[in-house]
Amino acid sequence: MNFRWKYNPTYLRIKYGCKQVLFPLLVFQFVRTVVFPTSFDVILLGLLAMLYVAITLEWL
């Protein structure tokens, strides 16, 4: 078998779609964390930031 792609095209489409959605969510969550700093907001911001970095550096 000879595969042309390393990843499934559907997976890549979902991955890059998530990347486009994550950046505005990160900005919104950052502003929300600065204005109303709760522990949940800080944890959510950290998780979103780690997910965005993982997608950007192609760890996922």
PDB file of N, CA and C in Angstrom:
ATOM      1  N   MET A   1       0.830  -1.183   0.000  1.00  0.00           N
ATOM      2  CA  MET A   1       0.000   0.000   0.000  1.00  0.00           C
ATOM      3  C   MET A   1       0.875   1.247   0.000  1.00  0.00           C
ATOM      4  N   ASN A   2       0.488   2.183  -0.809  1.00  0.00           N
ATOM      5  CA  ASN A   2       1.218   3.433  -0.897  1.00  0.00           C
ATOM      6  C   ASN A   2       0.275   4.568  -0.502  1.00  0.00           C
ATOM      7  N   PHE A   3       0.547   5.186   0.620  1.00  0.00           N
ATOM      8  CA  PHE A   3      -0.286   6.287   1.087  1.00  0.00           C
ATOM      9  C   PHE A   3       0.321   7.605   0.642  1.00  0.00           C
ATOM     10  N   ARG A   4      -0.543   8.484   0.138  1.00  0.00           N
ATOM     11  CA  ARG A   4      -0.059   9.783  -0.312  1.00  0.00           C
ATOM     12  C   ARG A   4       0.048  10.787   0.820  1.00  0.00           C
ATOM     13  N   TRP A   5      -0.814  10.685   1.815  1.00  0.00           N
ATOM     14  CA  TRP A   5      -0.839  11.664   2.885  1.00  0.00           C
ATOM     15  C   TRP A   5      -0.404  11.036   4.199  1.00  0.00           C
ATOM     16  N   LYS A   6       0.221  11.866   5.002  1.00  0.00           N
ATOM     17  CA  LYS A   6       0.600  11.393   6.327  1.00  0.00           C
ATOM     18  C   LYS A   6      -0.619  11.349   7.244  1.00  0.00           C
ATOM     19  N   TYR A   7      -1.530  12.323   7.077  1.00  0.00           N
ATOM     20  CA  TYR A   7      -2.740  12.401   7.888  1.00  0.00           C
ATOM     21  C   TYR A   7      -3.962  12.400   6.986  1.00  0.00           C
ATOM     22  N   ASN A   8      -5.055  11.977   7.549  1.00  0.00           N
ATOM     23  CA  ASN A   8      -6.321  11.984   6.838  1.00  0.00           C
ATOM     24  C   ASN A   8      -6.720  13.436   6.541  1.00  0.00           C
ATOM     25  N   PRO A   9      -7.184  13.743   5.329  1.00  0.00           N
ATOM     26  CA  PRO A   9      -7.585  15.127   5.012  1.00  0.00           C
ATOM     27  C   PRO A   9      -8.704  15.651   5.919  1.00  0.00           C
ATOM     28  N   THR A  10      -9.601  14.781   6.361  1.00  0.00           N
ATOM     29  CA  THR A  10     -10.665  15.217   7.267  1.00  0.00           C
ATOM     30  C   THR A  10     -10.082  15.643   8.607  1.00  0.00           C
ATOM     31  N   TYR A  11      -9.093  14.898   9.103  1.00  0.00           N
ATOM     32  CA  TYR A  11      -8.425  15.263  10.354  1.00  0.00           C
ATOM     33  C   TYR A  11      -7.753  16.625  10.224  1.00  0.00           C
ATOM     34  N   LEU A  12      -7.077  16.862   9.107  1.00  0.00           N
ATOM     35  CA  LEU A  12      -6.400  18.143   8.902  1.00  0.00           C
ATOM     36  C   LEU A  12      -7.398  19.296   8.831  1.00  0.00           C
ATOM     37  N   ARG A  13      -8.538  19.073   8.181  1.00  0.00           N
ATOM     38  CA  ARG A  13      -9.557  20.106   8.085  1.00  0.00           C
ATOM     39  C   ARG A  13     -10.105  20.450   9.468  1.00  0.00           C
ATOM     40  N   ILE A  14     -10.352  19.440  10.285  1.00  0.00           N
ATOM     41  CA  ILE A  14     -10.856  19.676  11.642  1.00  0.00           C
ATOM     42  C   ILE A  14      -9.796  20.378  12.485  1.00  0.00           C
ATOM     43  N   LYS A  15      -8.552  19.960  12.340  1.00  0.00           N
ATOM     44  CA  LYS A  15      -7.454  20.542  13.119  1.00  0.00           C
ATOM     45  C   LYS A  15      -7.274  22.031  12.805  1.00  0.00           C
ATOM     46  N   TYR A  16      -7.265  22.385  11.536  1.00  0.00           N
ATOM     47  CA  TYR A  16      -7.076  23.789  11.178  1.00  0.00           C
ATOM     48  C   TYR A  16      -8.323  24.623  11.449  1.00  0.00           C
ATOM     49  N   GLY A  17      -9.494  23.995  11.400  1.00  0.00           N
ATOM     50  CA  GLY A  17     -10.714  24.697  11.799  1.00  0.00           C
ATOM     51  C   GLY A  17     -10.688  25.032  13.276  1.00  0.00           C
ATOM     52  N   CYS A  18     -10.237  24.080  14.094  1.00  0.00           N
ATOM     53  CA  CYS A  18     -10.106  24.323  15.535  1.00  0.00           C
ATOM     54  C   CYS A  18      -9.089  25.424  15.812  1.00  0.00           C
ATOM     55  N   LYS A  19      -8.021  25.442  15.034  1.00  0.00           N
ATOM     56  CA  LYS A  19      -6.996  26.474  15.218  1.00  0.00           C
ATOM     57  C   LYS A  19      -7.568  27.858  14.941  1.00  0.00           C
ATOM     58  N   GLN A  20      -8.408  27.974  13.931  1.00  0.00           N
ATOM     59  CA  GLN A  20      -9.010  29.265  13.609  1.00  0.00           C
ATOM     60  C   GLN A  20     -10.015  29.705  14.663  1.00  0.00           C
ATOM     61  N   VAL A  21     -10.693  28.771  15.286  1.00  0.00           N
ATOM     62  CA  VAL A  21     -11.675  29.105  16.312  1.00  0.00           C
ATOM     63  C   VAL A  21     -10.994  29.404  17.646  1.00  0.00           C
ATOM     64  N   LEU A  22      -9.879  28.736  17.921  1.00  0.00           N
ATOM     65  CA  LEU A  22      -9.211  28.876  19.220  1.00  0.00           C
ATOM     66  C   LEU A  22      -8.631  30.268  19.450  1.00  0.00           C
ATOM     67  N   PHE A  23      -8.109  30.902  18.422  1.00  0.00           N
ATOM     68  CA  PHE A  23      -7.462  32.201  18.653  1.00  0.00           C
ATOM     69  C   PHE A  23      -8.440  33.264  19.161  1.00  0.00           C
ATOM     70  N   PRO A  24      -9.611  33.439  18.527  1.00  0.00           N
ATOM     71  CA  PRO A  24     -10.564  34.407  19.112  1.00  0.00           C
ATOM     72  C   PRO A  24     -11.031  34.014  20.505  1.00  0.00           C
ATOM     73  N   LEU A  25     -11.194  32.704  20.763  1.00  0.00           N
ATOM     74  CA  LEU A  25     -11.556  32.268  22.104  1.00  0.00           C
ATOM     75  C   LEU A  25     -10.470  32.608  23.117  1.00  0.00           C
ATOM     76  N   LEU A  26      -9.204  32.456  22.705  1.00  0.00           N
ATOM     77  CA  LEU A  26      -8.091  32.811  23.595  1.00  0.00           C
ATOM     78  C   LEU A  26      -8.112  34.292  23.937  1.00  0.00           C
ATOM     79  N   VAL A  27      -8.334  35.125  22.941  1.00  0.00           N
ATOM     80  CA  VAL A  27      -8.368  36.571  23.186  1.00  0.00           C
ATOM     81  C   VAL A  27      -9.522  36.922  24.114  1.00  0.00           C
ATOM     82  N   PHE A  28     -10.691  36.377  23.845  1.00  0.00           N
ATOM     83  CA  PHE A  28     -11.852  36.640  24.704  1.00  0.00           C
ATOM     84  C   PHE A  28     -11.597  36.162  26.131  1.00  0.00           C
ATOM     85  N   GLN A  29     -11.057  34.966  26.274  1.00  0.00           N
ATOM     86  CA  GLN A  29     -10.814  34.409  27.599  1.00  0.00           C
ATOM     87  C   GLN A  29      -9.736  35.198  28.338  1.00  0.00           C
ATOM     88  N   PHE A  30      -8.739  35.696  27.603  1.00  0.00           N
ATOM     89  CA  PHE A  30      -7.705  36.519  28.239  1.00  0.00           C
ATOM     90  C   PHE A  30      -8.306  37.807  28.796  1.00  0.00           C
ATOM     91  N   VAL A  31      -9.146  38.470  27.998  1.00  0.00           N
ATOM     92  CA  VAL A  31      -9.791  39.703  28.463  1.00  0.00           C
ATOM     93  C   VAL A  31     -10.692  39.404  29.656  1.00  0.00           C
ATOM     94  N   ARG A  32     -11.437  38.312  29.574  1.00  0.00           N
ATOM     95  CA  ARG A  32     -12.310  37.932  30.689  1.00  0.00           C
ATOM     96  C   ARG A  32     -11.498  37.631  31.950  1.00  0.00           C
ATOM     97  N   THR A  33     -10.347  36.977  31.793  1.00  0.00           N
ATOM     98  CA  THR A  33      -9.505  36.648  32.944  1.00  0.00           C
ATOM     99  C   THR A  33      -8.903  37.913  33.555  1.00  0.00           C
ATOM    100  N   VAL A  34      -8.570  38.885  32.724  1.00  0.00           N
ATOM    101  CA  VAL A  34      -8.023  40.137  33.254  1.00  0.00           C
ATOM    102  C   VAL A  34      -9.099  40.918  34.005  1.00  0.00           C
ATOM    103  N   VAL A  35     -10.320  40.917  33.481  1.00  0.00           N
ATOM    104  CA  VAL A  35     -11.396  41.694  34.106  1.00  0.00           C
ATOM    105  C   VAL A  35     -11.971  40.972  35.331  1.00  0.00           C
ATOM    106  N   PHE A  36     -12.293  39.678  35.186  1.00  0.00           N
ATOM    107  CA  PHE A  36     -12.874  38.892  36.282  1.00  0.00           C
ATOM    108  C   PHE A  36     -12.001  37.680  36.577  1.00  0.00           C
ATOM    109  N   PRO A  37     -10.921  37.852  37.311  1.00  0.00           N
ATOM    110  CA  PRO A  37     -10.001  36.725  37.530  1.00  0.00           C
ATOM    111  C   PRO A  37     -10.536  35.717  38.550  1.00  0.00           C
ATOM    112  N   THR A  38     -11.039  34.594  38.030  1.00  0.00           N
ATOM    113  CA  THR A  38     -11.413  33.484  38.902  1.00  0.00           C
ATOM    114  C   THR A  38     -10.489  32.314  38.574  1.00  0.00           C
ATOM    115  N   SER A  39     -10.446  31.352  39.454  1.00  0.00           N
ATOM    116  CA  SER A  39      -9.559  30.210  39.221  1.00  0.00           C
ATOM    117  C   SER A  39     -10.011  29.414  37.995  1.00  0.00           C
ATOM    118  N   PHE A  40     -11.315  29.315  37.770  1.00  0.00           N
ATOM    119  CA  PHE A  40     -11.815  28.605  36.591  1.00  0.00           C
ATOM    120  C   PHE A  40     -11.363  29.294  35.305  1.00  0.00           C
ATOM    121  N   ASP A  41     -11.418  30.630  35.270  1.00  0.00           N
ATOM    122  CA  ASP A  41     -10.993  31.369  34.079  1.00  0.00           C
ATOM    123  C   ASP A  41      -9.507  31.181  33.805  1.00  0.00           C
ATOM    124  N   VAL A  42      -8.705  31.172  34.845  1.00  0.00           N
ATOM    125  CA  VAL A  42      -7.261  30.993  34.670  1.00  0.00           C
ATOM    126  C   VAL A  42      -6.957  29.588  34.147  1.00  0.00           C
ATOM    127  N   ILE A  43      -7.627  28.591  34.703  1.00  0.00           N
ATOM    128  CA  ILE A  43      -7.412  27.209  34.245  1.00  0.00           C
ATOM    129  C   ILE A  43      -7.875  27.042  32.810  1.00  0.00           C
ATOM    130  N   LEU A  44      -9.041  27.590  32.476  1.00  0.00           N
ATOM    131  CA  LEU A  44      -9.555  27.494  31.110  1.00  0.00           C
ATOM    132  C   LEU A  44      -8.628  28.203  30.120  1.00  0.00           C
ATOM    133  N   LEU A  45      -8.119  29.361  30.500  1.00  0.00           N
ATOM    134  CA  LEU A  45      -7.177  30.077  29.636  1.00  0.00           C
ATOM    135  C   LEU A  45      -5.909  29.262  29.426  1.00  0.00           C
ATOM    136  N   GLY A  46      -5.408  28.632  30.472  1.00  0.00           N
ATOM    137  CA  GLY A  46      -4.223  27.794  30.341  1.00  0.00           C
ATOM    138  C   GLY A  46      -4.446  26.598  29.434  1.00  0.00           C
ATOM    139  N   LEU A  47      -5.599  25.949  29.580  1.00  0.00           N
ATOM    140  CA  LEU A  47      -5.911  24.799  28.725  1.00  0.00           C
ATOM    141  C   LEU A  47      -6.060  25.209  27.259  1.00  0.00           C
ATOM    142  N   LEU A  48      -6.749  26.320  27.015  1.00  0.00           N
ATOM    143  CA  LEU A  48      -6.903  26.794  25.644  1.00  0.00           C
ATOM    144  C   LEU A  48      -5.561  27.185  25.037  1.00  0.00           C
ATOM    145  N   ALA A  49      -4.709  27.819  25.837  1.00  0.00           N
ATOM    146  CA  ALA A  49      -3.392  28.215  25.345  1.00  0.00           C
ATOM    147  C   ALA A  49      -2.536  26.998  25.025  1.00  0.00           C
ATOM    148  N   MET A  50      -2.581  25.983  25.902  1.00  0.00           N
ATOM    149  CA  MET A  50      -1.805  24.764  25.627  1.00  0.00           C
ATOM    150  C   MET A  50      -2.311  24.047  24.383  1.00  0.00           C
ATOM    151  N   LEU A  51      -3.617  24.008  24.196  1.00  0.00           N
ATOM    152  CA  LEU A  51      -4.185  23.372  22.998  1.00  0.00           C
ATOM    153  C   LEU A  51      -3.792  24.127  21.741  1.00  0.00           C
ATOM    154  N   TYR A  52      -3.822  25.459  21.794  1.00  0.00           N
ATOM    155  CA  TYR A  52      -3.436  26.264  20.629  1.00  0.00           C
ATOM    156  C   TYR A  52      -1.956  26.063  20.295  1.00  0.00           C
ATOM    157  N   VAL A  53      -1.107  26.045  21.297  1.00  0.00           N
ATOM    158  CA  VAL A  53       0.327  25.826  21.070  1.00  0.00           C
ATOM    159  C   VAL A  53       0.577  24.433  20.521  1.00  0.00           C
ATOM    160  N   ALA A  54      -0.139  23.444  21.037  1.00  0.00           N
ATOM    161  CA  ALA A  54       0.030  22.063  20.551  1.00  0.00           C
ATOM    162  C   ALA A  54      -0.367  21.951  19.085  1.00  0.00           C
ATOM    163  N   ILE A  55      -1.433  22.618  18.690  1.00  0.00           N
ATOM    164  CA  ILE A  55      -1.844  22.572  17.283  1.00  0.00           C
ATOM    165  C   ILE A  55      -0.860  23.352  16.419  1.00  0.00           C
ATOM    166  N   THR A  56      -0.407  24.505  16.899  1.00  0.00           N
ATOM    167  CA  THR A  56       0.527  25.331  16.122  1.00  0.00           C
ATOM    168  C   THR A  56       1.865  24.616  15.915  1.00  0.00           C
ATOM    169  N   LEU A  57       2.374  23.956  16.949  1.00  0.00           N
ATOM    170  CA  LEU A  57       3.656  23.257  16.833  1.00  0.00           C
ATOM    171  C   LEU A  57       3.510  21.839  16.299  1.00  0.00           C
ATOM    172  N   GLU A  58       2.277  21.485  15.924  1.00  0.00           N
ATOM    173  CA  GLU A  58       1.948  20.174  15.337  1.00  0.00           C
ATOM    174  C   GLU A  58       2.311  19.013  16.272  1.00  0.00           C
ATOM    175  N   TRP A  59       2.000  19.200  17.552  1.00  0.00           N
ATOM    176  CA  TRP A  59       2.142  18.109  18.499  1.00  0.00           C
ATOM    177  C   TRP A  59       0.933  17.198  18.440  1.00  0.00           C
ATOM    178  N   LEU A  60      -0.182  17.720  17.919  1.00  0.00           N
ATOM    179  CA  LEU A  60      -1.414  16.925  17.772  1.00  0.00           C
ATOM    180  C   LEU A  60      -1.618  16.595  16.312  1.00  0.00           C
TER     181      LEU A  60
END
